C-alpha atoms as a PDB file:
ATOM      1  CA  MET A   1     -14.390  12.913  10.572  1.00  0.00           C
ATOM      2  CA  THR A   2     -10.928  14.257   9.801  1.00  0.00           C
ATOM      3  CA  LEU A   3      -9.315  11.678  12.087  1.00  0.00           C
ATOM      4  CA  GLU A   4     -11.364   8.914  10.448  1.00  0.00           C
ATOM      5  CA  ALA A   5     -10.249  10.041   6.976  1.00  0.00           C
ATOM      6  CA  ILE A   6      -6.592  10.262   8.023  1.00  0.00           C
ATOM      7  CA  LEU A   7      -6.689   6.819   9.658  1.00  0.00           C
ATOM      8  CA  ALA A   8      -8.347   5.326   6.564  1.00  0.00           C
ATOM      9  CA  TYR A   9      -5.720   6.950   4.344  1.00  0.00           C
ATOM     10  CA  LEU A  10      -2.808   5.710   6.469  1.00  0.00           C
ATOM     11  CA  HIS A  11      -4.283   2.210   6.573  1.00  0.00           C
ATOM     12  CA  LEU A  12      -4.741   2.154   2.804  1.00  0.00           C
ATOM     13  CA  LEU A  13      -1.237   3.525   2.248  1.00  0.00           C
ATOM     14  CA  ALA A  14       0.230   0.803   4.475  1.00  0.00           C
ATOM     15  CA  ILE A  15      -1.779  -1.878   2.650  1.00  0.00           C
ATOM     16  CA  LEU A  16      -0.643  -0.658  -0.758  1.00  0.00           C
ATOM     17  CA  THR A  17       2.973  -0.502   0.401  1.00  0.00           C
ATOM     18  CA  MET A  18       2.740  -4.041   1.756  1.00  0.00           C
ATOM     19  CA  VAL A  19       1.228  -5.331  -1.494  1.00  0.00           C
ATOM     20  CA  VAL A  20       3.828  -3.593  -3.660  1.00  0.00           C
ATOM     21  CA  PHE A  21       6.721  -5.057  -1.705  1.00  0.00           C
ATOM     22  CA  LEU A  22       5.158  -8.518  -1.500  1.00  0.00           C
ATOM     23  CA  SER A  23       4.719  -8.380  -5.282  1.00  0.00           C
ATOM     24  CA  SER A  24       8.335  -7.307  -5.610  1.00  0.00           C
ATOM     25  CA  GLU A  25       9.415 -10.329  -3.581  1.00  0.00           C
ATOM     26  CA  ALA A  26       7.408 -12.599  -5.867  1.00  0.00           C
ATOM     27  CA  ALA A  27       9.003 -11.023  -8.928  1.00  0.00           C
ATOM     28  CA  LEU A  28      12.572 -11.148  -7.599  1.00  0.00           C
ATOM     29  CA  CYS A  29      12.403 -14.647  -6.158  1.00  0.00           C
ATOM     30  CA  ARG A  30      12.737 -16.526  -9.439  1.00  0.00           C
ATOM     31  CA  ILE A  31      15.585 -18.837 -10.238  1.00  0.00           C
ATOM     32  CA  GLU A  32      15.837 -17.346 -13.749  1.00  0.00           C
ATOM     33  CA  TRP A  33      16.451 -13.850 -12.359  1.00  0.00           C
ATOM     34  CA  LEU A  34      18.326 -14.579  -9.161  1.00  0.00           C
ATOM     35  CA  ASN A  35      21.817 -13.157  -8.983  1.00  0.00           C
ATOM     36  CA  ALA A  36      23.921 -11.574  -6.231  1.00  0.00           C
ATOM     37  CA  LYS A  37      22.182  -8.204  -6.561  1.00  0.00           C
ATOM     38  CA  ALA A  38      18.735  -9.811  -6.465  1.00  0.00           C
ATOM     39  CA  VAL A  39      19.622 -11.640  -3.241  1.00  0.00           C
ATOM     40  CA  GLU A  40      20.572  -8.324  -1.624  1.00  0.00           C
ATOM     41  CA  ARG A  41      17.459  -6.663  -3.005  1.00  0.00           C
ATOM     42  CA  LEU A  42      15.233  -9.477  -1.716  1.00  0.00           C
ATOM     43  CA  ALA A  43      16.498  -8.955   1.818  1.00  0.00           C
ATOM     44  CA  ARG A  44      15.828  -5.198   1.629  1.00  0.00           C
ATOM     45  CA  VAL A  45      12.429  -5.631  -0.018  1.00  0.00           C
ATOM     46  CA  ASP A  46      11.443  -8.165   2.638  1.00  0.00           C
ATOM     47  CA  LEU A  47      12.421  -5.723   5.386  1.00  0.00           C
ATOM     48  CA  VAL A  48      10.187  -3.014   3.919  1.00  0.00           C
ATOM     49  CA  TYR A  49       7.415  -5.585   3.452  1.00  0.00           C
ATOM     50  CA  GLY A  50       7.664  -6.486   7.141  1.00  0.00           C
ATOM     51  CA  ILE A  51       7.600  -2.844   8.216  1.00  0.00           C
ATOM     52  CA  ALA A  52       4.599  -2.210   5.974  1.00  0.00           C
ATOM     53  CA  ALA A  53       2.798  -5.239   7.437  1.00  0.00           C
ATOM     54  CA  MET A  54       3.361  -3.868  10.943  1.00  0.00           C
ATOM     55  CA  ALA A  55       2.018  -0.500   9.753  1.00  0.00           C
ATOM     56  CA  VAL A  56      -1.083  -2.259   8.359  1.00  0.00           C
ATOM     57  CA  LEU A  57      -1.694  -3.871  11.722  1.00  0.00           C
ATOM     58  CA  ALA A  58      -1.022  -0.664  13.674  1.00  0.00           C
ATOM     59  CA  THR A  59      -3.226   1.523  11.491  1.00  0.00           C
ATOM     60  CA  GLY A  60      -5.963  -1.110  11.472  1.00  0.00           C
ATOM     61  CA  LEU A  61      -5.943  -1.264  15.248  1.00  0.00           C
ATOM     62  CA  LEU A  62      -5.989   2.531  15.437  1.00  0.00           C
ATOM     63  CA  ARG A  63      -9.024   2.552  13.160  1.00  0.00           C
ATOM     64  CA  THR A  64     -10.854   0.119  15.420  1.00  0.00           C
ATOM     65  CA  PHE A  65     -10.128   2.060  18.607  1.00  0.00           C
ATOM     66  CA  LEU A  66     -10.161   5.682  17.392  1.00  0.00           C
ATOM     67  CA  GLY A  67     -12.459   5.449  14.374  1.00  0.00           C
ATOM     68  CA  VAL A  68     -16.038   6.661  14.158  1.00  0.00           C
ATOM     69  CA  LYS A  69     -17.607   3.192  14.448  1.00  0.00           C
ATOM     70  CA  GLY A  70     -15.824   2.458  17.703  1.00  0.00           C
ATOM     71  CA  SER A  71     -14.132  -0.638  19.014  1.00  0.00           C
ATOM     72  CA  ALA A  72     -17.347  -2.338  20.172  1.00  0.00           C
ATOM     73  CA  TRP A  73     -18.693  -2.249  16.616  1.00  0.00           C
ATOM     74  CA  TYR A  74     -15.532  -3.768  15.141  1.00  0.00           C
ATOM     75  CA  TRP A  75     -14.539  -6.311  17.782  1.00  0.00           C
ATOM     76  CA  THR A  76     -17.981  -7.921  17.994  1.00  0.00           C
ATOM     77  CA  ASN A  77     -18.024  -8.569  14.249  1.00  0.00           C
ATOM     78  CA  PRO A  78     -16.694 -12.011  13.287  1.00  0.00           C
ATOM     79  CA  LEU A  79     -15.490 -10.664   9.930  1.00  0.00           C
ATOM     80  CA  LEU A  80     -12.832  -8.625  11.737  1.00  0.00           C
ATOM     81  CA  HIS A  81     -11.637 -11.823  13.370  1.00  0.00           C
ATOM     82  CA  VAL A  82     -11.514 -13.555   9.974  1.00  0.00           C
ATOM     83  CA  LYS A  83      -9.421 -10.679   8.594  1.00  0.00           C
ATOM     84  CA  LEU A  84      -7.063 -10.763  11.555  1.00  0.00           C
ATOM     85  CA  THR A  85      -6.724 -14.543  11.380  1.00  0.00           C
ATOM     86  CA  LEU A  86      -5.828 -14.388   7.688  1.00  0.00           C
ATOM     87  CA  PHE A  87      -3.360 -11.587   8.418  1.00  0.00           C
ATOM     88  CA  VAL A  88      -1.734 -13.656  11.176  1.00  0.00           C
ATOM     89  CA  ILE A  89      -1.503 -16.648   8.819  1.00  0.00           C
ATOM     90  CA  VAL A  90       0.260 -14.444   6.263  1.00  0.00           C
ATOM     91  CA  GLY A  91       2.634 -13.282   8.986  1.00  0.00           C
ATOM     92  CA  LEU A  92       3.404 -16.836  10.053  1.00  0.00           C
ATOM     93  CA  VAL A  93       3.956 -17.985   6.463  1.00  0.00           C
ATOM     94  CA  SER A  94       6.270 -15.010   5.894  1.00  0.00           C
ATOM     95  CA  ILE A  95       8.681 -16.143   8.598  1.00  0.00           C
ATOM     96  CA  VAL A  96      10.250 -18.857   6.444  1.00  0.00           C
ATOM     97  CA  PRO A  97      10.961 -16.624   3.414  1.00  0.00           C
ATOM     98  CA  THR A  98      12.311 -13.881   5.689  1.00  0.00           C
ATOM     99  CA  LEU A  99      14.735 -16.244   7.377  1.00  0.00           C
ATOM    100  CA  THR A 100      15.626 -17.762   4.018  1.00  0.00           C
ATOM    101  CA  PHE A 101      16.378 -14.373   2.420  1.00  0.00           C
ATOM    102  CA  ARG A 102      18.594 -13.467   5.386  1.00  0.00           C
ATOM    103  CA  ARG A 103      20.416 -16.795   5.143  1.00  0.00           C
ATOM    104  CA  TRP A 104      20.950 -16.285   1.401  1.00  0.00           C
ATOM    105  CA  LEU A 105      22.296 -12.801   2.061  1.00  0.00           C
ATOM    106  CA  ARG A 106      24.701 -14.054   4.748  1.00  0.00           C
ATOM    107  CA  ALA A 107      25.941 -16.815   2.442  1.00  0.00           C
ATOM    108  CA  GLN A 108      26.319 -14.305  -0.384  1.00  0.00           C
ATOM    109  CA  ARG A 109      28.383 -11.964   1.777  1.00  0.00           C
ATOM    110  CA  GLN A 110      30.612 -14.850   2.885  1.00  0.00           C
ATOM    111  CA  GLY A 111      31.416 -15.671  -0.709  1.00  0.00           C
ATOM    112  CA  GLY A 112      28.904 -18.452  -1.131  1.00  0.00           C
ATOM    113  CA  GLY A 113      27.069 -19.091  -4.344  1.00  0.00           C
ATOM    114  CA  LEU A 114      23.453 -18.635  -5.193  1.00  0.00           C
ATOM    115  CA  PRO A 115      20.841 -20.854  -3.544  1.00  0.00           C
ATOM    116  CA  ALA A 116      19.755 -24.083  -5.196  1.00  0.00           C
ATOM    117  CA  ALA A 117      16.905 -23.880  -7.692  1.00  0.00           C
ATOM    118  CA  ASP A 118      14.646 -26.095  -5.554  1.00  0.00           C
ATOM    119  CA  GLU A 119      15.102 -23.830  -2.544  1.00  0.00           C
ATOM    120  CA  VAL A 120      14.278 -20.749  -4.600  1.00  0.00           C
ATOM    121  CA  ARG A 121      11.126 -22.422  -5.929  1.00  0.00           C
ATOM    122  CA  ARG A 122      10.006 -23.489  -2.434  1.00  0.00           C
ATOM    123  CA  THR A 123      10.592 -20.007  -1.077  1.00  0.00           C
ATOM    124  CA  ARG A 124       8.754 -18.370  -3.986  1.00  0.00           C
ATOM    125  CA  ARG A 125       5.838 -20.746  -3.428  1.00  0.00           C
ATOM    126  CA  LEU A 126       5.529 -19.452   0.158  1.00  0.00           C
ATOM    127  CA  VAL A 127       5.669 -15.854  -1.075  1.00  0.00           C
ATOM    128  CA  MET A 128       2.870 -16.679  -3.523  1.00  0.00           C
ATOM    129  CA  VAL A 129       0.804 -18.286  -0.753  1.00  0.00           C
ATOM    130  CA  GLN A 130       1.084 -15.006   1.144  1.00  0.00           C
ATOM    131  CA  ALA A 131       0.082 -13.019  -1.926  1.00  0.00           C
ATOM    132  CA  HIS A 132      -2.997 -15.142  -2.510  1.00  0.00           C
ATOM    133  CA  ILE A 133      -4.148 -14.877   1.101  1.00  0.00           C
ATOM    134  CA  VAL A 134      -3.514 -11.115   1.119  1.00  0.00           C
ATOM    135  CA  ALA A 135      -5.735 -10.856  -1.979  1.00  0.00           C
ATOM    136  CA  ILE A 136      -8.639 -12.452  -0.075  1.00  0.00           C
ATOM    137  CA  ILE A 137      -8.515 -10.160   2.974  1.00  0.00           C
ATOM    138  CA  PRO A 138     -10.107  -7.137   1.208  1.00  0.00           C
ATOM    139  CA  LEU A 139     -13.195  -9.229   0.439  1.00  0.00           C
ATOM    140  CA  PHE A 140     -13.850  -9.531   4.164  1.00  0.00           C
ATOM    141  CA  ALA A 141     -12.953  -5.858   4.660  1.00  0.00           C
ATOM    142  CA  VAL A 142     -15.579  -4.753   2.158  1.00  0.00           C
ATOM    143  CA  PHE A 143     -18.292  -6.798   3.856  1.00  0.00           C
ATOM    144  CA  LEU A 144     -17.134  -5.677   7.300  1.00  0.00           C
ATOM    145  CA  ALA A 145     -17.289  -1.998   6.299  1.00  0.00           C
ATOM    146  CA  ARG A 146     -20.886  -2.501   5.154  1.00  0.00           C
ATOM    147  CA  GLY A 147     -21.994  -4.038   8.428  1.00  0.00           C
ATOM    148  CA  PHE A 148     -22.221  -7.686   7.408  1.00  0.00           C
ATOM    149  CA  GLY A 149     -21.643 -10.146  10.211  1.00  0.00           C
ATOM    150  CA  LYS A 150     -23.505  -8.050  12.791  1.00  0.00           C
END
């Protein structure tokens, strides 16, 4: 039971970290607030967001293989597959903002100006898509934890 509690804690900590940094991206990626410092901050925040997302995946997998319920219980439940699919979609959507933030940072360091307002809006829209999908994943987690889908 101690291992189960520790794995649950680490998974929750990774999720909260991911959500905080995704929210930070959404807050920083606004044309009204974007300046040179915000561009640098966005790149750093996105890096932590990516690391946290990997930690969510790693701790989730550890829970399925080392947790009390066992991998057979988890992997035969379609709700786990829904959660993973949504998580993968978030990861795929996040590629464009990540590359965009890095490009903005490179341009900034080479003396370039701030990105165009339309580009900032498009990038923020993708960050918000991620945030909305991430908000849906816990719904499936709650039902999965209670044995629905079996």
